[in-house]
Amino acid sequence: MKKLFPPLLALGLLLFFFLAYILKLKQFDLLLLLTFGIGLAVYDFYLSYKDNKDQR
């Protein structure tokens, strides 16, 4: 559990940072890019967690 906290904290801070922009932006293309960026971060977190789980 200790190894899971820092990546979760980083992911949460990234989501919180992007959320302010997502709520204020009115341009669809930039919203799409920010959403894609968040999706990539979540996917990378999932792959890292899956690899760590498999190594145990």
PDB file of N, CA and C in Angstrom:
ATOM      1  N   MET A   1       0.813  -1.191   0.000  1.00  0.00           N
ATOM      2  CA  MET A   1       0.000   0.000   0.000  1.00  0.00           C
ATOM      3  C   MET A   1       0.858   1.257   0.000  1.00  0.00           C
ATOM      4  N   LYS A   2       2.037   1.179   0.631  1.00  0.00           N
ATOM      5  CA  LYS A   2       2.909   2.354   0.659  1.00  0.00           C
ATOM      6  C   LYS A   2       3.388   2.734  -0.733  1.00  0.00           C
ATOM      7  N   LYS A   3       3.592   1.729  -1.591  1.00  0.00           N
ATOM      8  CA  LYS A   3       4.076   2.014  -2.942  1.00  0.00           C
ATOM      9  C   LYS A   3       2.966   2.545  -3.840  1.00  0.00           C
ATOM     10  N   LEU A   4       1.724   2.392  -3.435  1.00  0.00           N
ATOM     11  CA  LEU A   4       0.598   2.837  -4.233  1.00  0.00           C
ATOM     12  C   LEU A   4       0.238   4.297  -3.953  1.00  0.00           C
ATOM     13  N   PHE A   5       0.566   4.801  -2.783  1.00  0.00           N
ATOM     14  CA  PHE A   5       0.161   6.154  -2.408  1.00  0.00           C
ATOM     15  C   PHE A   5       0.780   7.266  -3.260  1.00  0.00           C
ATOM     16  N   PRO A   6       2.092   7.294  -3.486  1.00  0.00           N
ATOM     17  CA  PRO A   6       2.653   8.402  -4.282  1.00  0.00           C
ATOM     18  C   PRO A   6       2.104   8.490  -5.716  1.00  0.00           C
ATOM     19  N   PRO A   7       1.959   7.369  -6.439  1.00  0.00           N
ATOM     20  CA  PRO A   7       1.374   7.498  -7.780  1.00  0.00           C
ATOM     21  C   PRO A   7      -0.082   7.957  -7.746  1.00  0.00           C
ATOM     22  N   LEU A   8      -0.841   7.497  -6.762  1.00  0.00           N
ATOM     23  CA  LEU A   8      -2.222   7.940  -6.641  1.00  0.00           C
ATOM     24  C   LEU A   8      -2.299   9.426  -6.314  1.00  0.00           C
ATOM     25  N   LEU A   9      -1.408   9.892  -5.477  1.00  0.00           N
ATOM     26  CA  LEU A   9      -1.361  11.308  -5.139  1.00  0.00           C
ATOM     27  C   LEU A   9      -1.012  12.137  -6.376  1.00  0.00           C
ATOM     28  N   ALA A  10      -0.038  11.682  -7.140  1.00  0.00           N
ATOM     29  CA  ALA A  10       0.351  12.400  -8.355  1.00  0.00           C
ATOM     30  C   ALA A  10      -0.791  12.423  -9.368  1.00  0.00           C
ATOM     31  N   LEU A  11      -1.475  11.313  -9.523  1.00  0.00           N
ATOM     32  CA  LEU A  11      -2.602  11.247 -10.451  1.00  0.00           C
ATOM     33  C   LEU A  11      -3.733  12.164  -9.986  1.00  0.00           C
ATOM     34  N   GLY A  12      -4.000  12.177  -8.703  1.00  0.00           N
ATOM     35  CA  GLY A  12      -5.029  13.053  -8.162  1.00  0.00           C
ATOM     36  C   GLY A  12      -4.696  14.522  -8.349  1.00  0.00           C
ATOM     37  N   LEU A  13      -3.450  14.884  -8.115  1.00  0.00           N
ATOM     38  CA  LEU A  13      -3.042  16.275  -8.314  1.00  0.00           C
ATOM     39  C   LEU A  13      -3.125  16.682  -9.781  1.00  0.00           C
ATOM     40  N   LEU A  14      -2.765  15.779 -10.677  1.00  0.00           N
ATOM     41  CA  LEU A  14      -2.872  16.070 -12.107  1.00  0.00           C
ATOM     42  C   LEU A  14      -4.332  16.270 -12.501  1.00  0.00           C
ATOM     43  N   LEU A  15      -5.203  15.402 -12.020  1.00  0.00           N
ATOM     44  CA  LEU A  15      -6.626  15.543 -12.314  1.00  0.00           C
ATOM     45  C   LEU A  15      -7.177  16.848 -11.749  1.00  0.00           C
ATOM     46  N   PHE A  16      -6.783  17.189 -10.546  1.00  0.00           N
ATOM     47  CA  PHE A  16      -7.229  18.438  -9.932  1.00  0.00           C
ATOM     48  C   PHE A  16      -6.736  19.653 -10.718  1.00  0.00           C
ATOM     49  N   PHE A  17      -5.497  19.601 -11.190  1.00  0.00           N
ATOM     50  CA  PHE A  17      -4.929  20.689 -11.978  1.00  0.00           C
ATOM     51  C   PHE A  17      -5.665  20.859 -13.300  1.00  0.00           C
ATOM     52  N   PHE A  18      -5.909  19.744 -13.994  1.00  0.00           N
ATOM     53  CA  PHE A  18      -6.602  19.816 -15.281  1.00  0.00           C
ATOM     54  C   PHE A  18      -8.082  20.147 -15.134  1.00  0.00           C
ATOM     55  N   LEU A  19      -8.663  19.823 -13.999  1.00  0.00           N
ATOM     56  CA  LEU A  19     -10.092  20.056 -13.802  1.00  0.00           C
ATOM     57  C   LEU A  19     -10.434  21.536 -13.885  1.00  0.00           C
ATOM     58  N   ALA A  20      -9.579  22.392 -13.363  1.00  0.00           N
ATOM     59  CA  ALA A  20      -9.827  23.832 -13.437  1.00  0.00           C
ATOM     60  C   ALA A  20      -9.885  24.295 -14.892  1.00  0.00           C
ATOM     61  N   TYR A  21      -9.009  23.794 -15.726  1.00  0.00           N
ATOM     62  CA  TYR A  21      -9.021  24.156 -17.147  1.00  0.00           C
ATOM     63  C   TYR A  21     -10.227  23.557 -17.868  1.00  0.00           C
ATOM     64  N   ILE A  22     -10.568  22.333 -17.527  1.00  0.00           N
ATOM     65  CA  ILE A  22     -11.688  21.673 -18.191  1.00  0.00           C
ATOM     66  C   ILE A  22     -12.994  22.420 -17.909  1.00  0.00           C
ATOM     67  N   LEU A  23     -13.164  22.885 -16.684  1.00  0.00           N
ATOM     68  CA  LEU A  23     -14.394  23.586 -16.331  1.00  0.00           C
ATOM     69  C   LEU A  23     -14.483  24.966 -16.957  1.00  0.00           C
ATOM     70  N   LYS A  24     -13.347  25.613 -17.234  1.00  0.00           N
ATOM     71  CA  LYS A  24     -13.363  26.974 -17.770  1.00  0.00           C
ATOM     72  C   LYS A  24     -13.321  27.040 -19.297  1.00  0.00           C
ATOM     73  N   LEU A  25     -12.780  26.008 -19.949  1.00  0.00           N
ATOM     74  CA  LEU A  25     -12.624  26.053 -21.397  1.00  0.00           C
ATOM     75  C   LEU A  25     -13.954  25.883 -22.110  1.00  0.00           C
ATOM     76  N   LYS A  26     -14.097  26.606 -23.196  1.00  0.00           N
ATOM     77  CA  LYS A  26     -15.298  26.488 -24.008  1.00  0.00           C
ATOM     78  C   LYS A  26     -14.988  25.876 -25.380  1.00  0.00           C
ATOM     79  N   GLN A  27     -13.716  25.673 -25.675  1.00  0.00           N
ATOM     80  CA  GLN A  27     -13.323  25.117 -26.971  1.00  0.00           C
ATOM     81  C   GLN A  27     -13.258  23.599 -26.869  1.00  0.00           C
ATOM     82  N   PHE A  28     -14.004  22.960 -27.758  1.00  0.00           N
ATOM     83  CA  PHE A  28     -14.124  21.503 -27.700  1.00  0.00           C
ATOM     84  C   PHE A  28     -12.799  20.805 -27.979  1.00  0.00           C
ATOM     85  N   ASP A  29     -12.017  21.319 -28.913  1.00  0.00           N
ATOM     86  CA  ASP A  29     -10.776  20.631 -29.269  1.00  0.00           C
ATOM     87  C   ASP A  29      -9.776  20.628 -28.109  1.00  0.00           C
ATOM     88  N   LEU A  30      -9.709  21.719 -27.354  1.00  0.00           N
ATOM     89  CA  LEU A  30      -8.808  21.737 -26.204  1.00  0.00           C
ATOM     90  C   LEU A  30      -9.320  20.841 -25.079  1.00  0.00           C
ATOM     91  N   LEU A  31     -10.639  20.784 -24.926  1.00  0.00           N
ATOM     92  CA  LEU A  31     -11.212  19.864 -23.942  1.00  0.00           C
ATOM     93  C   LEU A  31     -10.881  18.423 -24.296  1.00  0.00           C
ATOM     94  N   LEU A  32     -10.938  18.130 -25.573  1.00  0.00           N
ATOM     95  CA  LEU A  32     -10.615  16.784 -26.035  1.00  0.00           C
ATOM     96  C   LEU A  32      -9.153  16.440 -25.749  1.00  0.00           C
ATOM     97  N   LEU A  33      -8.264  17.389 -25.987  1.00  0.00           N
ATOM     98  CA  LEU A  33      -6.844  17.157 -25.704  1.00  0.00           C
ATOM     99  C   LEU A  33      -6.579  16.949 -24.218  1.00  0.00           C
ATOM    100  N   LEU A  34      -7.205  17.760 -23.371  1.00  0.00           N
ATOM    101  CA  LEU A  34      -7.014  17.600 -21.936  1.00  0.00           C
ATOM    102  C   LEU A  34      -7.577  16.266 -21.456  1.00  0.00           C
ATOM    103  N   THR A  35      -8.723  15.884 -21.972  1.00  0.00           N
ATOM    104  CA  THR A  35      -9.318  14.612 -21.599  1.00  0.00           C
ATOM    105  C   THR A  35      -8.436  13.454 -22.059  1.00  0.00           C
ATOM    106  N   PHE A  36      -7.876  13.559 -23.242  1.00  0.00           N
ATOM    107  CA  PHE A  36      -6.966  12.533 -23.743  1.00  0.00           C
ATOM    108  C   PHE A  36      -5.714  12.449 -22.867  1.00  0.00           C
ATOM    109  N   GLY A  37      -5.191  13.592 -22.450  1.00  0.00           N
ATOM    110  CA  GLY A  37      -4.022  13.614 -21.566  1.00  0.00           C
ATOM    111  C   GLY A  37      -4.304  12.951 -20.228  1.00  0.00           C
ATOM    112  N   ILE A  38      -5.481  13.209 -19.686  1.00  0.00           N
ATOM    113  CA  ILE A  38      -5.872  12.566 -18.430  1.00  0.00           C
ATOM    114  C   ILE A  38      -6.016  11.061 -18.639  1.00  0.00           C
ATOM    115  N   GLY A  39      -6.604  10.689 -19.759  1.00  0.00           N
ATOM    116  CA  GLY A  39      -6.761   9.266 -20.066  1.00  0.00           C
ATOM    117  C   GLY A  39      -5.424   8.558 -20.174  1.00  0.00           C
ATOM    118  N   LEU A  40      -4.439   9.214 -20.789  1.00  0.00           N
ATOM    119  CA  LEU A  40      -3.105   8.619 -20.887  1.00  0.00           C
ATOM    120  C   LEU A  40      -2.465   8.445 -19.515  1.00  0.00           C
ATOM    121  N   ALA A  41      -2.643   9.432 -18.640  1.00  0.00           N
ATOM    122  CA  ALA A  41      -2.078   9.333 -17.291  1.00  0.00           C
ATOM    123  C   ALA A  41      -2.726   8.193 -16.518  1.00  0.00           C
ATOM    124  N   VAL A  42      -4.032   8.053 -16.631  1.00  0.00           N
ATOM    125  CA  VAL A  42      -4.737   6.977 -15.939  1.00  0.00           C
ATOM    126  C   VAL A  42      -4.314   5.618 -16.497  1.00  0.00           C
ATOM    127  N   TYR A  43      -4.175   5.525 -17.814  1.00  0.00           N
ATOM    128  CA  TYR A  43      -3.747   4.277 -18.443  1.00  0.00           C
ATOM    129  C   TYR A  43      -2.325   3.900 -18.013  1.00  0.00           C
ATOM    130  N   ASP A  44      -1.445   4.886 -17.938  1.00  0.00           N
ATOM    131  CA  ASP A  44      -0.077   4.623 -17.497  1.00  0.00           C
ATOM    132  C   ASP A  44      -0.061   4.164 -16.040  1.00  0.00           C
ATOM    133  N   PHE A  45      -0.891   4.788 -15.211  1.00  0.00           N
ATOM    134  CA  PHE A  45      -0.990   4.356 -13.817  1.00  0.00           C
ATOM    135  C   PHE A  45      -1.478   2.918 -13.743  1.00  0.00           C
ATOM    136  N   TYR A  46      -2.467   2.584 -14.545  1.00  0.00           N
ATOM    137  CA  TYR A  46      -3.012   1.218 -14.554  1.00  0.00           C
ATOM    138  C   TYR A  46      -1.950   0.206 -14.978  1.00  0.00           C
ATOM    139  N   LEU A  47      -1.195   0.534 -16.030  1.00  0.00           N
ATOM    140  CA  LEU A  47      -0.154  -0.386 -16.483  1.00  0.00           C
ATOM    141  C   LEU A  47       0.949  -0.554 -15.435  1.00  0.00           C
ATOM    142  N   SER A  48       1.327   0.531 -14.790  1.00  0.00           N
ATOM    143  CA  SER A  48       2.362   0.455 -13.755  1.00  0.00           C
ATOM    144  C   SER A  48       1.886  -0.382 -12.579  1.00  0.00           C
ATOM    145  N   TYR A  49       0.639  -0.182 -12.182  1.00  0.00           N
ATOM    146  CA  TYR A  49       0.100  -0.952 -11.058  1.00  0.00           C
ATOM    147  C   TYR A  49      -0.009  -2.429 -11.427  1.00  0.00           C
ATOM    148  N   LYS A  50      -0.427  -2.702 -12.656  1.00  0.00           N
ATOM    149  CA  LYS A  50      -0.563  -4.086 -13.110  1.00  0.00           C
ATOM    150  C   LYS A  50       0.803  -4.778 -13.145  1.00  0.00           C
ATOM    151  N   ASP A  51       1.841  -4.077 -13.621  1.00  0.00           N
ATOM    152  CA  ASP A  51       3.188  -4.650 -13.655  1.00  0.00           C
ATOM    153  C   ASP A  51       3.717  -4.918 -12.261  1.00  0.00           C
ATOM    154  N   ASN A  52       3.470  -3.990 -11.339  1.00  0.00           N
ATOM    155  CA  ASN A  52       3.920  -4.199  -9.961  1.00  0.00           C
ATOM    156  C   ASN A  52       3.204  -5.371  -9.319  1.00  0.00           C
ATOM    157  N   LYS A  53       1.933  -5.525  -9.608  1.00  0.00           N
ATOM    158  CA  LYS A  53       1.159  -6.612  -9.050  1.00  0.00           C
ATOM    159  C   LYS A  53       1.635  -7.958  -9.587  1.00  0.00           C
ATOM    160  N   ASP A  54       2.004  -8.002 -10.870  1.00  0.00           N
ATOM    161  CA  ASP A  54       2.483  -9.238 -11.481  1.00  0.00           C
ATOM    162  C   ASP A  54       3.856  -9.648 -10.969  1.00  0.00           C
ATOM    163  N   GLN A  55       4.680  -8.705 -10.573  1.00  0.00           N
ATOM    164  CA  GLN A  55       6.034  -9.001 -10.112  1.00  0.00           C
ATOM    165  C   GLN A  55       6.066  -9.591  -8.712  1.00  0.00           C
ATOM    166  N   ARG A  56       5.022  -9.428  -7.960  1.00  0.00           N
ATOM    167  CA  ARG A  56       4.999  -9.935  -6.573  1.00  0.00           C
ATOM    168  C   ARG A  56       4.848 -11.394  -6.504  1.00  0.00           C
TER     169      ARG A  56
END
